[in-house]
PDB file of N, CA and C in Angstrom:
ATOM      1  N   MET A   1     106.935  82.231  66.519  1.00  0.00           N
ATOM      2  CA  MET A   1     106.966  83.560  67.098  1.00  0.00           C
ATOM      3  C   MET A   1     106.228  83.792  67.974  1.00  0.00           C
ATOM      4  N   PRO A   2     106.634  84.337  69.136  1.00  0.00           N
ATOM      5  CA  PRO A   2     105.419  84.247  70.122  1.00  0.00           C
ATOM      6  C   PRO A   2     104.350  85.762  70.280  1.00  0.00           C
ATOM      7  N   SER A   3     103.127  85.005  70.965  1.00  0.00           N
ATOM      8  CA  SER A   3     102.490  86.443  70.373  1.00  0.00           C
ATOM      9  C   SER A   3     103.033  88.049  71.273  1.00  0.00           C
ATOM     10  N   ALA A   4     102.110  88.827  70.887  1.00  0.00           N
ATOM     11  CA  ALA A   4     102.473  89.889  71.625  1.00  0.00           C
ATOM     12  C   ALA A   4     102.069  90.315  73.168  1.00  0.00           C
ATOM     13  N   VAL A   5     100.879  89.138  73.428  1.00  0.00           N
ATOM     14  CA  VAL A   5     100.994  89.274  75.531  1.00  0.00           C
ATOM     15  C   VAL A   5     102.667  89.005  75.510  1.00  0.00           C
ATOM     16  N   ALA A   6     102.542  87.692  75.098  1.00  0.00           N
ATOM     17  CA  ALA A   6     103.587  86.953  75.811  1.00  0.00           C
ATOM     18  C   ALA A   6     105.236  87.558  75.351  1.00  0.00           C
ATOM     19  N   GLN A   7     104.988  88.705  74.716  1.00  0.00           N
ATOM     20  CA  GLN A   7     106.200  89.989  75.105  1.00  0.00           C
ATOM     21  C   GLN A   7     106.343  90.773  75.986  1.00  0.00           C
ATOM     22  N   LYS A   8     104.710  91.165  76.023  1.00  0.00           N
ATOM     23  CA  LYS A   8     104.495  92.031  76.726  1.00  0.00           C
ATOM     24  C   LYS A   8     105.037  91.283  78.597  1.00  0.00           C
ATOM     25  N   ALA A   9     104.519  90.015  78.527  1.00  0.00           N
ATOM     26  CA  ALA A   9     104.328  89.600  79.981  1.00  0.00           C
ATOM     27  C   ALA A   9     105.852  88.713  80.278  1.00  0.00           C
ATOM     28  N   LEU A  10     106.395  89.114  78.922  1.00  0.00           N
ATOM     29  CA  LEU A  10     108.481  88.561  79.637  1.00  0.00           C
ATOM     30  C   LEU A  10     108.885  90.241  79.988  1.00  0.00           C
ATOM     31  N   LYS A  11     108.623  91.283  79.504  1.00  0.00           N
ATOM     32  CA  LYS A  11     109.212  92.815  79.163  1.00  0.00           C
ATOM     33  C   LYS A  11     108.533  92.912  80.841  1.00  0.00           C
ATOM     34  N   ALA A  12     107.000  92.377  81.615  1.00  0.00           N
ATOM     35  CA  ALA A  12     107.038  92.740  82.853  1.00  0.00           C
ATOM     36  C   ALA A  12     106.895  92.103  83.741  1.00  0.00           C
ATOM     37  N   LYS A  13     107.834  90.784  82.959  1.00  0.00           N
ATOM     38  CA  LYS A  13     108.529  89.844  84.702  1.00  0.00           C
ATOM     39  C   LYS A  13     107.271  88.958  84.897  1.00  0.00           C
ATOM     40  N   ALA A  14     105.743  89.211  83.946  1.00  0.00           N
ATOM     41  CA  ALA A  14     105.195  88.200  84.554  1.00  0.00           C
ATOM     42  C   ALA A  14     105.745  86.401  83.969  1.00  0.00           C
ATOM     43  N   ILE A  15     105.909  86.316  82.957  1.00  0.00           N
ATOM     44  CA  ILE A  15     106.866  84.431  82.433  1.00  0.00           C
ATOM     45  C   ILE A  15     108.776  85.141  82.555  1.00  0.00           C
ATOM     46  N   THR A  16     109.131  84.163  82.911  1.00  0.00           N
ATOM     47  CA  THR A  16     110.439  83.873  82.605  1.00  0.00           C
ATOM     48  C   THR A  16     111.182  83.686  81.316  1.00  0.00           C
ATOM     49  N   LYS A  17     112.241  84.075  81.182  1.00  0.00           N
ATOM     50  CA  LYS A  17     113.015  83.719  79.740  1.00  0.00           C
ATOM     51  C   LYS A  17     112.698  82.497  78.860  1.00  0.00           C
ATOM     52  N   LYS A  18     112.902  81.355  80.286  1.00  0.00           N
ATOM     53  CA  LYS A  18     113.149  80.287  80.051  1.00  0.00           C
ATOM     54  C   LYS A  18     112.107  79.455  79.244  1.00  0.00           C
ATOM     55  N   GLN A  19     110.738  79.848  80.238  1.00  0.00           N
ATOM     56  CA  GLN A  19     109.336  80.034  79.822  1.00  0.00           C
ATOM     57  C   GLN A  19     108.697  79.930  78.048  1.00  0.00           C
ATOM     58  N   TYR A  20     109.548  81.543  78.595  1.00  0.00           N
ATOM     59  CA  TYR A  20     109.083  82.450  77.015  1.00  0.00           C
ATOM     60  C   TYR A  20     110.045  81.485  76.011  1.00  0.00           C
ATOM     61  N   ASP A  21     111.369  80.842  76.007  1.00  0.00           N
ATOM     62  CA  ASP A  21     112.151  79.919  74.940  1.00  0.00           C
ATOM     63  C   ASP A  21     111.304  78.870  74.717  1.00  0.00           C
ATOM     64  N   LYS A  22     110.953  77.959  76.004  1.00  0.00           N
ATOM     65  CA  LYS A  22     110.848  76.710  75.580  1.00  0.00           C
ATOM     66  C   LYS A  22     109.362  76.077  76.015  1.00  0.00           C
ATOM     67  N   LEU A  23     108.472  76.747  76.404  1.00  0.00           N
ATOM     68  CA  LEU A  23     107.289  76.441  76.501  1.00  0.00           C
ATOM     69  C   LEU A  23     106.414  77.105  74.721  1.00  0.00           C
ATOM     70  N   PRO A  24     105.897  75.958  74.450  1.00  0.00           N
ATOM     71  CA  PRO A  24     104.980  76.168  72.679  1.00  0.00           C
ATOM     72  C   PRO A  24     103.946  76.950  72.536  1.00  0.00           C
ATOM     73  N   ALA A  25     103.847  78.110  71.755  1.00  0.00           N
ATOM     74  CA  ALA A  25     103.156  79.285  72.054  1.00  0.00           C
ATOM     75  C   ALA A  25     101.988  79.121  72.572  1.00  0.00           C
ATOM     76  N   HIS A  26     100.880  78.545  71.982  1.00  0.00           N
ATOM     77  CA  HIS A  26      99.577  78.363  72.872  1.00  0.00           C
ATOM     78  C   HIS A  26      99.662  78.931  74.595  1.00  0.00           C
ATOM     79  N   LEU A  27     100.371  77.649  74.629  1.00  0.00           N
ATOM     80  CA  LEU A  27     100.728  77.511  76.204  1.00  0.00           C
ATOM     81  C   LEU A  27     101.172  78.646  76.917  1.00  0.00           C
ATOM     82  N   LEU A  28     102.109  79.080  76.390  1.00  0.00           N
ATOM     83  CA  LEU A  28     102.984  80.457  76.414  1.00  0.00           C
ATOM     84  C   LEU A  28     101.845  81.604  76.225  1.00  0.00           C
ATOM     85  N   ASP A  29     101.066  81.730  75.740  1.00  0.00           N
ATOM     86  CA  ASP A  29      99.631  82.604  75.846  1.00  0.00           C
ATOM     87  C   ASP A  29      98.753  82.284  76.903  1.00  0.00           C
ATOM     88  N   LYS A  30      98.477  81.565  77.015  1.00  0.00           N
ATOM     89  CA  LYS A  30      98.086  81.555  78.441  1.00  0.00           C
ATOM     90  C   LYS A  30      98.358  81.490  80.152  1.00  0.00           C
ATOM     91  N   VAL A  31      99.598  81.253  79.798  1.00  0.00           N
ATOM     92  CA  VAL A  31     100.433  81.621  80.952  1.00  0.00           C
ATOM     93  C   VAL A  31     100.663  82.854  80.676  1.00  0.00           C
ATOM     94  N   ALA A  32     100.858  83.380  80.179  1.00  0.00           N
ATOM     95  CA  ALA A  32     100.975  84.604  79.975  1.00  0.00           C
ATOM     96  C   ALA A  32     100.212  86.082  80.068  1.00  0.00           C
ATOM     97  N   GLU A  33      99.104  85.719  79.613  1.00  0.00           N
ATOM     98  CA  GLU A  33      97.546  85.952  80.187  1.00  0.00           C
ATOM     99  C   GLU A  33      97.397  85.808  81.446  1.00  0.00           C
ATOM    100  N   HIS A  34      97.168  84.397  82.037  1.00  0.00           N
ATOM    101  CA  HIS A  34      96.904  84.220  83.489  1.00  0.00           C
ATOM    102  C   HIS A  34      98.199  85.545  84.643  1.00  0.00           C
ATOM    103  N   ASN A  35      99.110  85.443  83.748  1.00  0.00           N
ATOM    104  CA  ASN A  35     100.033  86.174  85.443  1.00  0.00           C
ATOM    105  C   ASN A  35     100.151  87.522  85.363  1.00  0.00           C
ATOM    106  N   LEU A  36      99.500  88.466  83.628  1.00  0.00           N
ATOM    107  CA  LEU A  36      99.468  89.358  83.308  1.00  0.00           C
ATOM    108  C   LEU A  36      98.027  90.187  84.190  1.00  0.00           C
ATOM    109  N   LYS A  37      97.073  89.036  84.377  1.00  0.00           N
ATOM    110  CA  LYS A  37      96.083  89.188  85.480  1.00  0.00           C
ATOM    111  C   LYS A  37      95.767  89.031  86.541  1.00  0.00           C
ATOM    112  N   MET A  38      97.226  88.157  87.084  1.00  0.00           N
ATOM    113  CA  MET A  38      97.166  88.149  88.028  1.00  0.00           C
ATOM    114  C   MET A  38      98.169  88.994  88.309  1.00  0.00           C
ATOM    115  N   GLN A  39      99.129  89.858  88.698  1.00  0.00           N
ATOM    116  CA  GLN A  39      99.552  90.872  88.303  1.00  0.00           C
ATOM    117  C   GLN A  39      99.102  91.835  88.613  1.00  0.00           C
ATOM    118  N   LYS A  40      97.834  92.449  87.671  1.00  0.00           N
ATOM    119  CA  LYS A  40      97.139  93.652  87.816  1.00  0.00           C
ATOM    120  C   LYS A  40      96.171  93.682  89.288  1.00  0.00           C
ATOM    121  N   LYS A  41      96.018  91.670  89.909  1.00  0.00           N
ATOM    122  CA  LYS A  41      95.056  91.854  90.686  1.00  0.00           C
ATOM    123  C   LYS A  41      95.309  92.687  91.621  1.00  0.00           C
ATOM    124  N   ALA A  42      96.877  92.357  91.907  1.00  0.00           N
ATOM    125  CA  ALA A  42      97.962  92.317  93.451  1.00  0.00           C
ATOM    126  C   ALA A  42      98.095  93.414  93.143  1.00  0.00           C
ATOM    127  N   ARG A  43      97.935  94.571  92.208  1.00  0.00           N
ATOM    128  CA  ARG A  43      97.587  95.728  92.852  1.00  0.00           C
ATOM    129  C   ARG A  43      97.110  96.231  92.892  1.00  0.00           C
ATOM    130  N   LYS A  44      95.581  96.582  92.788  1.00  0.00           N
ATOM    131  CA  LYS A  44      94.525  96.837  93.554  1.00  0.00           C
ATOM    132  C   LYS A  44      94.534  96.261  94.821  1.00  0.00           C
ATOM    133  N   THR A  45      95.182  95.480  95.300  1.00  0.00           N
ATOM    134  CA  THR A  45      94.271  95.578  96.471  1.00  0.00           C
ATOM    135  C   THR A  45      95.648  95.889  97.108  1.00  0.00           C
ATOM    136  N   ALA A  46      94.732  96.049  98.956  1.00  0.00           N
ATOM    137  CA  ALA A  46      95.119  97.227  99.369  1.00  0.00           C
ATOM    138  C   ALA A  46      96.856  96.512 100.384  1.00  0.00           C
ATOM    139  N   ALA A  47      97.562  97.672 100.128  1.00  0.00           N
ATOM    140  CA  ALA A  47      98.812  97.205 101.251  1.00  0.00           C
ATOM    141  C   ALA A  47      98.559  97.146 102.645  1.00  0.00           C
ATOM    142  N   PRO A  48      99.735  95.888 103.374  1.00  0.00           N
ATOM    143  CA  PRO A  48      99.474  95.627 104.211  1.00  0.00           C
ATOM    144  C   PRO A  48      99.597  96.811 104.861  1.00  0.00           C
ATOM    145  N   GLY A  49      99.541  96.465 106.661  1.00  0.00           N
ATOM    146  CA  GLY A  49      99.909  97.028 107.238  1.00  0.00           C
ATOM    147  C   GLY A  49      99.517  98.265 107.539  1.00  0.00           C
ATOM    148  N   GLY A  50      97.527  98.040 106.758  1.00  0.00           N
ATOM    149  CA  GLY A  50      96.364  99.552 107.011  1.00  0.00           C
ATOM    150  C   GLY A  50      96.106  99.765 108.296  1.00  0.00           C
ATOM    151  N   THR A  51      94.683  99.776 108.715  1.00  0.00           N
ATOM    152  CA  THR A  51      94.137  99.682 109.529  1.00  0.00           C
ATOM    153  C   THR A  51      93.661  98.362 110.108  1.00  0.00           C
ATOM    154  N   LYS A  52      93.963  97.368 111.117  1.00  0.00           N
ATOM    155  CA  LYS A  52      93.109  95.892 111.292  1.00  0.00           C
ATOM    156  C   LYS A  52      92.505  95.631 112.912  1.00  0.00           C
ATOM    157  N   GLU A  53      91.496  95.107 112.636  1.00  0.00           N
ATOM    158  CA  GLU A  53      90.490  95.218 113.435  1.00  0.00           C
ATOM    159  C   GLU A  53      91.442  94.326 114.908  1.00  0.00           C
ATOM    160  N   VAL A  54      91.146  94.067 115.791  1.00  0.00           N
ATOM    161  CA  VAL A  54      91.207  93.449 116.856  1.00  0.00           C
ATOM    162  C   VAL A  54      90.385  93.034 117.603  1.00  0.00           C
ATOM    163  N   ARG A  55      90.379  91.534 117.704  1.00  0.00           N
ATOM    164  CA  ARG A  55      89.403  91.621 118.490  1.00  0.00           C
ATOM    165  C   ARG A  55      89.256  90.858 119.851  1.00  0.00           C
ATOM    166  N   LYS A  56      88.980  90.923 121.042  1.00  0.00           N
ATOM    167  CA  LYS A  56      88.976  91.392 121.952  1.00  0.00           C
ATOM    168  C   LYS A  56      88.482  90.676 123.362  1.00  0.00           C
ATOM    169  N   LYS A  57      88.406  89.440 123.367  1.00  0.00           N
ATOM    170  CA  LYS A  57      87.266  88.426 124.636  1.00  0.00           C
ATOM    171  C   LYS A  57      87.457  89.221 125.543  1.00  0.00           C
ATOM    172  N   THR A  58      85.964  89.828 126.317  1.00  0.00           N
ATOM    173  CA  THR A  58      85.832  90.235 127.361  1.00  0.00           C
ATOM    174  C   THR A  58      85.443  88.836 128.617  1.00  0.00           C
ATOM    175  N   GLY A  59      85.028  89.219 129.177  1.00  0.00           N
ATOM    176  CA  GLY A  59      84.486  88.389 130.925  1.00  0.00           C
ATOM    177  C   GLY A  59      85.669  87.554 131.221  1.00  0.00           C
ATOM    178  N   LYS A  60      84.314  86.507 131.224  1.00  0.00           N
ATOM    179  CA  LYS A  60      84.716  84.720 131.342  1.00  0.00           C
ATOM    180  C   LYS A  60      85.748  84.163 130.557  1.00  0.00           C
ATOM    181  N   GLN A  61      85.510  84.484 128.999  1.00  0.00           N
ATOM    182  CA  GLN A  61      86.408  84.146 127.885  1.00  0.00           C
ATOM    183  C   GLN A  61      87.591  84.695 127.573  1.00  0.00           C
ATOM    184  N   ALA A  62      87.136  85.972 128.478  1.00  0.00           N
ATOM    185  CA  ALA A  62      88.896  86.764 128.277  1.00  0.00           C
ATOM    186  C   ALA A  62      89.948  85.639 128.410  1.00  0.00           C
ATOM    187  N   HIS A  63      90.275  84.749 129.619  1.00  0.00           N
ATOM    188  CA  HIS A  63      91.072  83.809 129.500  1.00  0.00           C
ATOM    189  C   HIS A  63      91.667  82.474 128.616  1.00  0.00           C
ATOM    190  N   LYS A  64      90.737  82.783 128.641  1.00  0.00           N
ATOM    191  CA  LYS A  64      90.342  81.366 127.774  1.00  0.00           C
ATOM    192  C   LYS A  64      90.821  81.082 126.257  1.00  0.00           C
ATOM    193  N   ARG A  65      91.757  79.469 126.251  1.00  0.00           N
ATOM    194  CA  ARG A  65      91.788  79.781 125.423  1.00  0.00           C
ATOM    195  C   ARG A  65      91.033  79.325 123.762  1.00  0.00           C
ATOM    196  N   GLY A  66      91.709  79.889 122.246  1.00  0.00           N
ATOM    197  CA  GLY A  66      90.775  79.800 120.988  1.00  0.00           C
ATOM    198  C   GLY A  66      89.984  80.513 121.067  1.00  0.00           C
ATOM    199  N   ARG A  67      88.630  80.295 120.262  1.00  0.00           N
ATOM    200  CA  ARG A  67      87.172  81.340 119.540  1.00  0.00           C
ATOM    201  C   ARG A  67      86.347  81.656 120.468  1.00  0.00           C
ATOM    202  N   PRO A  68      85.937  82.444 120.610  1.00  0.00           N
ATOM    203  CA  PRO A  68      84.444  82.529 121.921  1.00  0.00           C
ATOM    204  C   PRO A  68      83.795  81.462 121.774  1.00  0.00           C
ATOM    205  N   LYS A  69      83.020  81.187 122.265  1.00  0.00           N
ATOM    206  CA  LYS A  69      81.600  80.592 122.185  1.00  0.00           C
ATOM    207  C   LYS A  69      80.486  81.477 121.979  1.00  0.00           C
ATOM    208  N   ALA A  70      79.802  81.423 121.208  1.00  0.00           N
ATOM    209  CA  ALA A  70      78.484  81.938 120.524  1.00  0.00           C
ATOM    210  C   ALA A  70      77.972  82.382 121.542  1.00  0.00           C
ATOM    211  N   GLY A  71      77.605  84.080 121.155  1.00  0.00           N
ATOM    212  CA  GLY A  71      77.327  84.167 122.275  1.00  0.00           C
ATOM    213  C   GLY A  71      78.185  85.767 123.261  1.00  0.00           C
ATOM    214  N   SER A  72      79.556  85.308 123.436  1.00  0.00           N
ATOM    215  CA  SER A  72      79.990  86.218 124.411  1.00  0.00           C
ATOM    216  C   SER A  72      80.620  86.895 123.805  1.00  0.00           C
ATOM    217  N   LYS A  73      80.287  88.225 124.635  1.00  0.00           N
ATOM    218  CA  LYS A  73      81.027  89.640 124.293  1.00  0.00           C
ATOM    219  C   LYS A  73      82.342  89.104 124.064  1.00  0.00           C
ATOM    220  N   VAL A  74      82.629  90.329 122.514  1.00  0.00           N
ATOM    221  CA  VAL A  74      83.536  90.573 122.106  1.00  0.00           C
ATOM    222  C   VAL A  74      83.807  91.845 121.261  1.00  0.00           C
ATOM    223  N   GLU A  75      84.489  92.601 122.185  1.00  0.00           N
ATOM    224  CA  GLU A  75      84.858  94.359 121.782  1.00  0.00           C
ATOM    225  C   GLU A  75      85.651  94.200 120.118  1.00  0.00           C
ATOM    226  N   VAL A  76      85.848  94.550 119.910  1.00  0.00           N
ATOM    227  CA  VAL A  76      85.855  94.613 118.149  1.00  0.00           C
ATOM    228  C   VAL A  76      86.756  96.963 117.889  1.00  0.00           C
ATOM    229  N   LYS A  77      88.174  96.705 118.432  1.00  0.00           N
ATOM    230  CA  LYS A  77      88.884  98.085 118.735  1.00  0.00           C
ATOM    231  C   LYS A  77      89.437  98.100 117.119  1.00  0.00           C
ATOM    232  N   LYS A  78      89.498  99.168 116.244  1.00  0.00           N
ATOM    233  CA  LYS A  78      89.837  99.206 114.876  1.00  0.00           C
ATOM    234  C   LYS A  78      91.226 100.436 115.311  1.00  0.00           C
TER     235      LYS A  78
END
């Protein structure tokens, strides 16, 4: 019989029904615990599309490809 952690993970869709049925209990518990932690971590991160910094090269570097050389001026706009 799988543990409460595995049942909770199945209910939260952190693991699949196939994993729940086929994995041995000790491995299922580890996978379920890990996936629940990852789901919780994903909820804590900020949503995409927030304020974004735009780095704009100025001067001679403005029309060159790639990242700016050390010491060149870069404006950061928010």
